[in-house]
PDB file of N, CA and C in Angstrom:
ATOM      1  N   UNK A   1      30.227  41.354 123.379  1.00  0.00           N
ATOM      2  CA  UNK A   1      30.025  41.933 124.683  1.00  0.00           C
ATOM      3  C   UNK A   1      28.532  41.932 125.006  1.00  0.00           C
ATOM      4  N   UNK A   2      28.201  41.479 126.224  1.00  0.00           N
ATOM      5  CA  UNK A   2      26.806  41.419 126.656  1.00  0.00           C
ATOM      6  C   UNK A   2      26.508  42.688 127.433  1.00  0.00           C
ATOM      7  N   UNK A   3      25.425  43.319 127.046  1.00  0.00           N
ATOM      8  CA  UNK A   3      25.036  44.564 127.689  1.00  0.00           C
ATOM      9  C   UNK A   3      23.869  44.292 128.638  1.00  0.00           C
ATOM     10  N   UNK A   4      24.062  44.512 129.942  1.00  0.00           N
ATOM     11  CA  UNK A   4      23.016  44.274 130.929  1.00  0.00           C
ATOM     12  C   UNK A   4      22.301  45.578 131.250  1.00  0.00           C
ATOM     13  N   UNK A   5      20.999  45.500 131.249  1.00  0.00           N
ATOM     14  CA  UNK A   5      20.198  46.652 131.645  1.00  0.00           C
ATOM     15  C   UNK A   5      19.378  46.261 132.866  1.00  0.00           C
ATOM     16  N   UNK A   6      18.819  47.242 133.534  1.00  0.00           N
ATOM     17  CA  UNK A   6      17.985  46.965 134.712  1.00  0.00           C
ATOM     18  C   UNK A   6      16.763  46.137 134.318  1.00  0.00           C
ATOM     19  N   UNK A   7      16.183  46.435 133.163  1.00  0.00           N
ATOM     20  CA  UNK A   7      15.012  45.689 132.708  1.00  0.00           C
ATOM     21  C   UNK A   7      15.384  44.246 132.417  1.00  0.00           C
ATOM     22  N   UNK A   8      16.538  44.024 131.824  1.00  0.00           N
ATOM     23  CA  UNK A   8      16.997  42.676 131.519  1.00  0.00           C
ATOM     24  C   UNK A   8      17.274  41.877 132.777  1.00  0.00           C
ATOM     25  N   UNK A   9      17.876  42.525 133.770  1.00  0.00           N
ATOM     26  CA  UNK A   9      18.157  41.852 135.037  1.00  0.00           C
ATOM     27  C   UNK A   9      16.859  41.492 135.751  1.00  0.00           C
ATOM     28  N   UNK A  10      15.909  42.414 135.771  1.00  0.00           N
ATOM     29  CA  UNK A  10      14.627  42.168 136.419  1.00  0.00           C
ATOM     30  C   UNK A  10      13.874  41.036 135.728  1.00  0.00           C
ATOM     31  N   UNK A  11      13.879  41.031 134.391  1.00  0.00           N
ATOM     32  CA  UNK A  11      13.189  39.972 133.649  1.00  0.00           C
ATOM     33  C   UNK A  11      13.843  38.626 133.916  1.00  0.00           C
ATOM     34  N   UNK A  12      15.160  38.597 133.985  1.00  0.00           N
ATOM     35  CA  UNK A  12      15.873  37.355 134.267  1.00  0.00           C
ATOM     36  C   UNK A  12      15.576  36.830 135.661  1.00  0.00           C
ATOM     37  N   UNK A  13      15.511  37.731 136.633  1.00  0.00           N
ATOM     38  CA  UNK A  13      15.202  37.330 138.007  1.00  0.00           C
ATOM     39  C   UNK A  13      13.788  36.788 138.106  1.00  0.00           C
ATOM     40  N   UNK A  14      12.859  37.436 137.422  1.00  0.00           N
ATOM     41  CA  UNK A  14      11.471  36.975 137.428  1.00  0.00           C
ATOM     42  C   UNK A  14      11.358  35.596 136.790  1.00  0.00           C
ATOM     43  N   UNK A  15      12.025  35.391 135.669  1.00  0.00           N
ATOM     44  CA  UNK A  15      12.000  34.105 134.989  1.00  0.00           C
ATOM     45  C   UNK A  15      12.599  33.013 135.866  1.00  0.00           C
ATOM     46  N   UNK A  16      13.665  33.310 136.552  1.00  0.00           N
ATOM     47  CA  UNK A  16      14.299  32.328 137.440  1.00  0.00           C
ATOM     48  C   UNK A  16      13.384  31.978 138.605  1.00  0.00           C
ATOM     49  N   UNK A  17      12.701  32.988 139.158  1.00  0.00           N
ATOM     50  CA  UNK A  17      11.804  32.736 140.290  1.00  0.00           C
ATOM     51  C   UNK A  17      10.624  31.885 139.865  1.00  0.00           C
ATOM     52  N   UNK A  18      10.047  32.174 138.704  1.00  0.00           N
ATOM     53  CA  UNK A  18       8.891  31.421 138.219  1.00  0.00           C
ATOM     54  C   UNK A  18       9.284  29.992 137.890  1.00  0.00           C
ATOM     55  N   UNK A  19      10.415  29.806 137.235  1.00  0.00           N
ATOM     56  CA  UNK A  19      10.811  28.454 136.837  1.00  0.00           C
ATOM     57  C   UNK A  19      11.205  27.599 138.034  1.00  0.00           C
ATOM     58  N   UNK A  20      11.717  28.215 139.094  1.00  0.00           N
ATOM     59  CA  UNK A  20      12.114  27.422 140.256  1.00  0.00           C
ATOM     60  C   UNK A  20      10.917  26.961 141.081  1.00  0.00           C
ATOM     61  N   UNK A  21       9.800  27.691 141.050  1.00  0.00           N
ATOM     62  CA  UNK A  21       8.623  27.294 141.825  1.00  0.00           C
ATOM     63  C   UNK A  21       7.610  26.531 140.986  1.00  0.00           C
ATOM     64  N   UNK A  22       7.814  26.467 139.696  1.00  0.00           N
ATOM     65  CA  UNK A  22       6.832  25.813 138.829  1.00  0.00           C
ATOM     66  C   UNK A  22       6.711  24.321 139.111  1.00  0.00           C
ATOM     67  N   UNK A  23       7.756  23.699 139.573  1.00  0.00           N
ATOM     68  CA  UNK A  23       7.720  22.256 139.810  1.00  0.00           C
ATOM     69  C   UNK A  23       6.839  21.902 141.001  1.00  0.00           C
ATOM     70  N   UNK A  24       6.706  22.784 141.991  1.00  0.00           N
ATOM     71  CA  UNK A  24       5.929  22.471 143.183  1.00  0.00           C
ATOM     72  C   UNK A  24       4.626  23.250 143.261  1.00  0.00           C
ATOM     73  N   UNK A  25       4.407  24.185 142.373  1.00  0.00           N
ATOM     74  CA  UNK A  25       3.208  25.027 142.430  1.00  0.00           C
ATOM     75  C   UNK A  25       2.000  24.288 141.870  1.00  0.00           C
ATOM     76  N   UNK A  26       0.846  24.600 142.395  1.00  0.00           N
ATOM     77  CA  UNK A  26      -0.425  24.048 141.905  1.00  0.00           C
ATOM     78  C   UNK A  26      -0.776  24.742 140.598  1.00  0.00           C
ATOM     79  N   UNK A  27      -1.004  23.983 139.542  1.00  0.00           N
ATOM     80  CA  UNK A  27      -1.295  24.612 138.249  1.00  0.00           C
ATOM     81  C   UNK A  27      -2.741  24.459 137.806  1.00  0.00           C
ATOM     82  N   UNK A  28      -3.526  23.575 138.408  1.00  0.00           N
ATOM     83  CA  UNK A  28      -4.946  23.456 138.094  1.00  0.00           C
ATOM     84  C   UNK A  28      -5.243  22.973 136.702  1.00  0.00           C
ATOM     85  N   UNK A  29      -4.353  22.231 136.078  1.00  0.00           N
ATOM     86  CA  UNK A  29      -4.578  21.815 134.697  1.00  0.00           C
ATOM     87  C   UNK A  29      -5.047  20.376 134.562  1.00  0.00           C
ATOM     88  N   UNK A  30      -5.172  19.650 135.647  1.00  0.00           N
ATOM     89  CA  UNK A  30      -5.636  18.270 135.567  1.00  0.00           C
ATOM     90  C   UNK A  30      -7.160  18.261 135.607  1.00  0.00           C
ATOM     91  N   UNK A  31      -7.788  17.975 134.483  1.00  0.00           N
ATOM     92  CA  UNK A  31      -9.251  18.038 134.378  1.00  0.00           C
ATOM     93  C   UNK A  31      -9.853  16.637 134.432  1.00  0.00           C
ATOM     94  N   UNK A  32     -10.924  16.475 135.214  1.00  0.00           N
ATOM     95  CA  UNK A  32     -11.645  15.213 135.264  1.00  0.00           C
ATOM     96  C   UNK A  32     -12.509  15.045 134.022  1.00  0.00           C
ATOM     97  N   UNK A  33     -13.048  16.151 133.539  1.00  0.00           N
ATOM     98  CA  UNK A  33     -13.868  16.156 132.328  1.00  0.00           C
ATOM     99  C   UNK A  33     -13.708  17.527 131.690  1.00  0.00           C
ATOM    100  N   UNK A  34     -14.245  17.683 130.505  1.00  0.00           N
ATOM    101  CA  UNK A  34     -14.128  18.955 129.816  1.00  0.00           C
ATOM    102  C   UNK A  34     -14.784  20.068 130.623  1.00  0.00           C
ATOM    103  N   UNK A  35     -14.007  21.066 131.009  1.00  0.00           N
ATOM    104  CA  UNK A  35     -14.521  22.188 131.786  1.00  0.00           C
ATOM    105  C   UNK A  35     -14.561  21.950 133.281  1.00  0.00           C
ATOM    106  N   UNK A  36     -14.203  20.754 133.752  1.00  0.00           N
ATOM    107  CA  UNK A  36     -14.198  20.447 135.177  1.00  0.00           C
ATOM    108  C   UNK A  36     -12.742  20.297 135.608  1.00  0.00           C
ATOM    109  N   UNK A  37     -12.110  21.413 135.904  1.00  0.00           N
ATOM    110  CA  UNK A  37     -10.674  21.396 136.175  1.00  0.00           C
ATOM    111  C   UNK A  37     -10.348  21.712 137.621  1.00  0.00           C
ATOM    112  N   UNK A  38     -11.337  21.684 138.511  1.00  0.00           N
ATOM    113  CA  UNK A  38     -11.024  21.952 139.909  1.00  0.00           C
ATOM    114  C   UNK A  38     -10.298  20.749 140.473  1.00  0.00           C
ATOM    115  N   UNK A  39      -9.290  21.036 141.259  1.00  0.00           N
ATOM    116  CA  UNK A  39      -8.524  19.973 141.883  1.00  0.00           C
ATOM    117  C   UNK A  39      -8.095  20.466 143.253  1.00  0.00           C
ATOM    118  N   UNK A  40      -8.188  19.622 144.228  1.00  0.00           N
ATOM    119  CA  UNK A  40      -7.774  20.019 145.578  1.00  0.00           C
ATOM    120  C   UNK A  40      -6.269  20.225 145.610  1.00  0.00           C
ATOM    121  N   UNK A  41      -5.849  21.138 146.464  1.00  0.00           N
ATOM    122  CA  UNK A  41      -4.415  21.350 146.636  1.00  0.00           C
ATOM    123  C   UNK A  41      -3.804  20.105 147.264  1.00  0.00           C
ATOM    124  N   UNK A  42      -2.540  19.882 147.042  1.00  0.00           N
ATOM    125  CA  UNK A  42      -1.894  18.719 147.652  1.00  0.00           C
ATOM    126  C   UNK A  42      -2.042  18.755 149.177  1.00  0.00           C
ATOM    127  N   UNK A  43      -2.391  17.624 149.752  1.00  0.00           N
ATOM    128  CA  UNK A  43      -2.566  17.528 151.194  1.00  0.00           C
ATOM    129  C   UNK A  43      -4.003  17.704 151.652  1.00  0.00           C
ATOM    130  N   UNK A  44      -4.898  18.147 150.772  1.00  0.00           N
ATOM    131  CA  UNK A  44      -6.308  18.304 151.134  1.00  0.00           C
ATOM    132  C   UNK A  44      -6.941  16.917 151.180  1.00  0.00           C
ATOM    133  N   UNK A  45      -7.675  16.577 152.236  1.00  0.00           N
ATOM    134  CA  UNK A  45      -8.183  15.210 152.379  1.00  0.00           C
ATOM    135  C   UNK A  45      -9.299  14.888 151.396  1.00  0.00           C
ATOM    136  N   UNK A  46      -9.421  13.608 151.064  1.00  0.00           N
ATOM    137  CA  UNK A  46     -10.503  13.153 150.185  1.00  0.00           C
ATOM    138  C   UNK A  46     -11.855  13.347 150.867  1.00  0.00           C
ATOM    139  N   UNK A  47     -11.903  13.093 152.167  1.00  0.00           N
ATOM    140  CA  UNK A  47     -13.133  13.230 152.939  1.00  0.00           C
ATOM    141  C   UNK A  47     -12.961  14.393 153.916  1.00  0.00           C
ATOM    142  N   UNK A  48     -13.806  15.412 153.811  1.00  0.00           N
ATOM    143  CA  UNK A  48     -13.672  16.613 154.631  1.00  0.00           C
ATOM    144  C   UNK A  48     -14.207  16.379 156.040  1.00  0.00           C
ATOM    145  N   UNK A  49     -15.286  15.615 156.168  1.00  0.00           N
ATOM    146  CA  UNK A  49     -15.898  15.385 157.480  1.00  0.00           C
ATOM    147  C   UNK A  49     -14.894  14.738 158.422  1.00  0.00           C
ATOM    148  N   UNK A  50     -14.726  15.355 159.577  1.00  0.00           N
ATOM    149  CA  UNK A  50     -13.808  14.833 160.574  1.00  0.00           C
ATOM    150  C   UNK A  50     -12.378  15.316 160.415  1.00  0.00           C
ATOM    151  N   UNK A  51     -12.072  16.022 159.320  1.00  0.00           N
ATOM    152  CA  UNK A  51     -10.716  16.538 159.135  1.00  0.00           C
ATOM    153  C   UNK A  51     -10.624  17.949 159.706  1.00  0.00           C
ATOM    154  N   UNK A  52      -9.445  18.532 159.637  1.00  0.00           N
ATOM    155  CA  UNK A  52      -9.286  19.898 160.136  1.00  0.00           C
ATOM    156  C   UNK A  52     -10.005  20.915 159.246  1.00  0.00           C
ATOM    157  N   UNK A  53     -10.436  20.511 158.050  1.00  0.00           N
ATOM    158  CA  UNK A  53     -11.157  21.407 157.140  1.00  0.00           C
ATOM    159  C   UNK A  53     -12.665  21.349 157.342  1.00  0.00           C
ATOM    160  N   UNK A  54     -13.137  20.470 158.218  1.00  0.00           N
ATOM    161  CA  UNK A  54     -14.569  20.319 158.482  1.00  0.00           C
ATOM    162  C   UNK A  54     -15.075  21.568 159.201  1.00  0.00           C
ATOM    163  N   UNK A  55     -16.070  22.280 158.616  1.00  0.00           N
ATOM    164  CA  UNK A  55     -16.540  23.508 159.248  1.00  0.00           C
ATOM    165  C   UNK A  55     -17.348  23.274 160.523  1.00  0.00           C
ATOM    166  N   UNK A  56     -17.867  22.074 160.739  1.00  0.00           N
ATOM    167  CA  UNK A  56     -18.619  21.730 161.949  1.00  0.00           C
ATOM    168  C   UNK A  56     -19.732  22.736 162.245  1.00  0.00           C
ATOM    169  N   UNK A  57     -20.621  22.920 161.278  1.00  0.00           N
ATOM    170  CA  UNK A  57     -21.731  23.864 161.446  1.00  0.00           C
ATOM    171  C   UNK A  57     -22.706  23.351 162.499  1.00  0.00           C
ATOM    172  N   UNK A  58     -23.162  24.250 163.333  1.00  0.00           N
ATOM    173  CA  UNK A  58     -24.145  23.914 164.362  1.00  0.00           C
ATOM    174  C   UNK A  58     -25.523  23.862 163.699  1.00  0.00           C
ATOM    175  N   UNK A  59     -26.250  22.746 163.803  1.00  0.00           N
ATOM    176  CA  UNK A  59     -27.565  22.642 163.170  1.00  0.00           C
ATOM    177  C   UNK A  59     -28.542  23.718 163.638  1.00  0.00           C
ATOM    178  N   UNK A  60     -28.440  24.143 164.896  1.00  0.00           N
ATOM    179  CA  UNK A  60     -29.335  25.193 165.399  1.00  0.00           C
ATOM    180  C   UNK A  60     -29.080  26.511 164.682  1.00  0.00           C
ATOM    181  N   UNK A  61     -27.799  26.826 164.453  1.00  0.00           N
ATOM    182  CA  UNK A  61     -27.464  28.067 163.753  1.00  0.00           C
ATOM    183  C   UNK A  61     -27.921  28.014 162.298  1.00  0.00           C
ATOM    184  N   UNK A  62     -27.779  26.858 161.665  1.00  0.00           N
ATOM    185  CA  UNK A  62     -28.244  26.707 160.289  1.00  0.00           C
ATOM    186  C   UNK A  62     -29.759  26.866 160.210  1.00  0.00           C
ATOM    187  N   UNK A  63     -30.474  26.352 161.203  1.00  0.00           N
ATOM    188  CA  UNK A  63     -31.933  26.479 161.234  1.00  0.00           C
ATOM    189  C   UNK A  63     -32.335  27.940 161.383  1.00  0.00           C
ATOM    190  N   UNK A  64     -31.600  28.696 162.194  1.00  0.00           N
ATOM    191  CA  UNK A  64     -31.888  30.128 162.354  1.00  0.00           C
ATOM    192  C   UNK A  64     -31.799  30.838 161.016  1.00  0.00           C
ATOM    193  N   UNK A  65     -30.760  30.506 160.251  1.00  0.00           N
ATOM    194  CA  UNK A  65     -30.593  31.144 158.949  1.00  0.00           C
ATOM    195  C   UNK A  65     -31.733  30.764 158.011  1.00  0.00           C
ATOM    196  N   UNK A  66     -32.134  29.498 158.034  1.00  0.00           N
ATOM    197  CA  UNK A  66     -33.247  29.057 157.194  1.00  0.00           C
ATOM    198  C   UNK A  66     -34.545  29.745 157.576  1.00  0.00           C
ATOM    199  N   UNK A  67     -34.794  29.873 158.883  1.00  0.00           N
ATOM    200  CA  UNK A  67     -36.006  30.559 159.345  1.00  0.00           C
ATOM    201  C   UNK A  67     -36.004  32.020 158.927  1.00  0.00           C
ATOM    202  N   UNK A  68     -34.841  32.659 159.033  1.00  0.00           N
ATOM    203  CA  UNK A  68     -34.721  34.064 158.657  1.00  0.00           C
ATOM    204  C   UNK A  68     -35.005  34.252 157.163  1.00  0.00           C
ATOM    205  N   UNK A  69     -34.484  33.344 156.351  1.00  0.00           N
ATOM    206  CA  UNK A  69     -34.711  33.446 154.902  1.00  0.00           C
ATOM    207  C   UNK A  69     -36.183  33.212 154.569  1.00  0.00           C
ATOM    208  N   UNK A  70     -36.816  32.272 155.261  1.00  0.00           N
ATOM    209  CA  UNK A  70     -38.237  31.994 155.024  1.00  0.00           C
ATOM    210  C   UNK A  70     -39.085  33.213 155.391  1.00  0.00           C
ATOM    211  N   UNK A  71     -38.758  33.867 156.510  1.00  0.00           N
ATOM    212  CA  UNK A  71     -39.486  35.070 156.927  1.00  0.00           C
ATOM    213  C   UNK A  71     -39.309  36.192 155.916  1.00  0.00           C
ATOM    214  N   UNK A  72     -38.102  36.334 155.387  1.00  0.00           N
ATOM    215  CA  UNK A  72     -37.853  37.374 154.378  1.00  0.00           C
ATOM    216  C   UNK A  72     -38.665  37.106 153.113  1.00  0.00           C
ATOM    217  N   UNK A  73     -38.751  35.853 152.709  1.00  0.00           N
ATOM    218  CA  UNK A  73     -39.550  35.501 151.533  1.00  0.00           C
ATOM    219  C   UNK A  73     -41.024  35.806 151.757  1.00  0.00           C
ATOM    220  N   UNK A  74     -41.527  35.532 152.962  1.00  0.00           N
ATOM    221  CA  UNK A  74     -42.931  35.832 153.278  1.00  0.00           C
ATOM    222  C   UNK A  74     -43.188  37.335 153.241  1.00  0.00           C
ATOM    223  N   UNK A  75     -42.272  38.125 153.788  1.00  0.00           N
ATOM    224  CA  UNK A  75     -42.425  39.593 153.748  1.00  0.00           C
ATOM    225  C   UNK A  75     -42.404  40.095 152.312  1.00  0.00           C
ATOM    226  N   UNK A  76     -41.513  39.559 151.502  1.00  0.00           N
ATOM    227  CA  UNK A  76     -41.450  39.988 150.102  1.00  0.00           C
ATOM    228  C   UNK A  76     -42.722  39.611 149.354  1.00  0.00           C
ATOM    229  N   UNK A  77     -43.302  38.456 149.676  1.00  0.00           N
ATOM    230  CA  UNK A  77     -44.564  38.053 149.039  1.00  0.00           C
ATOM    231  C   UNK A  77     -45.677  39.030 149.431  1.00  0.00           C
ATOM    232  N   UNK A  78     -45.700  39.418 150.714  1.00  0.00           N
ATOM    233  CA  UNK A  78     -46.708  40.388 151.158  1.00  0.00           C
ATOM    234  C   UNK A  78     -46.545  41.713 150.417  1.00  0.00           C
ATOM    235  N   UNK A  79     -45.310  42.169 150.263  1.00  0.00           N
ATOM    236  CA  UNK A  79     -45.048  43.425 149.558  1.00  0.00           C
ATOM    237  C   UNK A  79     -45.491  43.337 148.096  1.00  0.00           C
ATOM    238  N   UNK A  80     -45.158  42.219 147.445  1.00  0.00           N
ATOM    239  CA  UNK A  80     -45.513  42.052 146.040  1.00  0.00           C
ATOM    240  C   UNK A  80     -47.019  41.962 145.853  1.00  0.00           C
ATOM    241  N   UNK A  81     -47.699  41.219 146.739  1.00  0.00           N
ATOM    242  CA  UNK A  81     -49.165  41.125 146.647  1.00  0.00           C
ATOM    243  C   UNK A  81     -49.818  42.480 146.851  1.00  0.00           C
ATOM    244  N   UNK A  82     -49.314  43.241 147.808  1.00  0.00           N
ATOM    245  CA  UNK A  82     -49.844  44.579 148.056  1.00  0.00           C
ATOM    246  C   UNK A  82     -49.612  45.485 146.845  1.00  0.00           C
ATOM    247  N   UNK A  83     -48.451  45.350 146.223  1.00  0.00           N
ATOM    248  CA  UNK A  83     -48.151  46.168 145.042  1.00  0.00           C
ATOM    249  C   UNK A  83     -49.094  45.830 143.897  1.00  0.00           C
ATOM    250  N   UNK A  84     -49.398  44.544 143.731  1.00  0.00           N
ATOM    251  CA  UNK A  84     -50.323  44.142 142.666  1.00  0.00           C
ATOM    252  C   UNK A  84     -51.716  44.719 142.904  1.00  0.00           C
ATOM    253  N   UNK A  85     -52.125  44.787 144.178  1.00  0.00           N
ATOM    254  CA  UNK A  85     -53.458  45.314 144.500  1.00  0.00           C
ATOM    255  C   UNK A  85     -53.518  46.833 144.382  1.00  0.00           C
ATOM    256  N   UNK A  86     -52.512  47.521 144.931  1.00  0.00           N
ATOM    257  CA  UNK A  86     -52.587  48.981 145.046  1.00  0.00           C
ATOM    258  C   UNK A  86     -51.763  49.724 144.012  1.00  0.00           C
ATOM    259  N   UNK A  87     -50.751  49.075 143.437  1.00  0.00           N
ATOM    260  CA  UNK A  87     -49.866  49.766 142.501  1.00  0.00           C
ATOM    261  C   UNK A  87     -48.829  50.637 143.220  1.00  0.00           C
ATOM    262  N   UNK A  88     -48.754  50.495 144.521  1.00  0.00           N
ATOM    263  CA  UNK A  88     -47.824  51.299 145.310  1.00  0.00           C
ATOM    264  C   UNK A  88     -46.948  50.350 146.125  1.00  0.00           C
ATOM    265  N   UNK A  89     -45.617  50.571 146.079  1.00  0.00           N
ATOM    266  CA  UNK A  89     -44.695  49.713 146.811  1.00  0.00           C
ATOM    267  C   UNK A  89     -44.548  50.226 148.233  1.00  0.00           C
ATOM    268  N   UNK A  90     -44.838  49.352 149.198  1.00  0.00           N
ATOM    269  CA  UNK A  90     -44.699  49.692 150.614  1.00  0.00           C
ATOM    270  C   UNK A  90     -43.652  48.748 151.187  1.00  0.00           C
ATOM    271  N   UNK A  91     -42.553  49.320 151.660  1.00  0.00           N
ATOM    272  CA  UNK A  91     -41.460  48.484 152.173  1.00  0.00           C
ATOM    273  C   UNK A  91     -41.798  47.964 153.582  1.00  0.00           C
ATOM    274  N   UNK A  92     -42.353  48.802 154.413  1.00  0.00           N
ATOM    275  CA  UNK A  92     -42.653  48.416 155.792  1.00  0.00           C
ATOM    276  C   UNK A  92     -43.918  47.558 155.803  1.00  0.00           C
ATOM    277  N   UNK A  93     -43.779  46.268 156.101  1.00  0.00           N
ATOM    278  CA  UNK A  93     -44.927  45.359 156.042  1.00  0.00           C
ATOM    279  C   UNK A  93     -45.937  45.650 157.153  1.00  0.00           C
ATOM    280  N   UNK A  94     -45.544  46.385 158.201  1.00  0.00           N
ATOM    281  CA  UNK A  94     -46.485  46.769 159.268  1.00  0.00           C
ATOM    282  C   UNK A  94     -47.520  47.757 158.752  1.00  0.00           C
ATOM    283  N   UNK A  95     -47.181  48.464 157.682  1.00  0.00           N
ATOM    284  CA  UNK A  95     -48.105  49.445 157.102  1.00  0.00           C
ATOM    285  C   UNK A  95     -49.052  48.815 156.086  1.00  0.00           C
ATOM    286  N   UNK A  96     -48.811  47.559 155.738  1.00  0.00           N
ATOM    287  CA  UNK A  96     -49.688  46.854 154.789  1.00  0.00           C
ATOM    288  C   UNK A  96     -50.851  46.282 155.556  1.00  0.00           C
ATOM    289  N   UNK A  97     -52.068  46.535 155.049  1.00  0.00           N
ATOM    290  CA  UNK A  97     -53.272  46.046 155.750  1.00  0.00           C
ATOM    291  C   UNK A  97     -53.906  44.911 154.997  1.00  0.00           C
TER     292      UNK A  97
END
């Protein structure tokens, strides 16, 4: 006589669900080289440019981000130089003379 419990039924259902989707699921085990196991999902194009996955970044917006990062680096350099001279950290660069 087979005795069914709720835990046994749940485990069986989980096993059935996993085994039925395993044939079509992405498993990420195809490696190009040792440690390089990234693989595009099925249907992802070889060339992204011009496809629906192309982010189409605006060069002007990218330049704004680059300018902002450059300005932040300059402010941090001013803060660090001031700290080396005075030994006191001043966050507001307008207060640095």
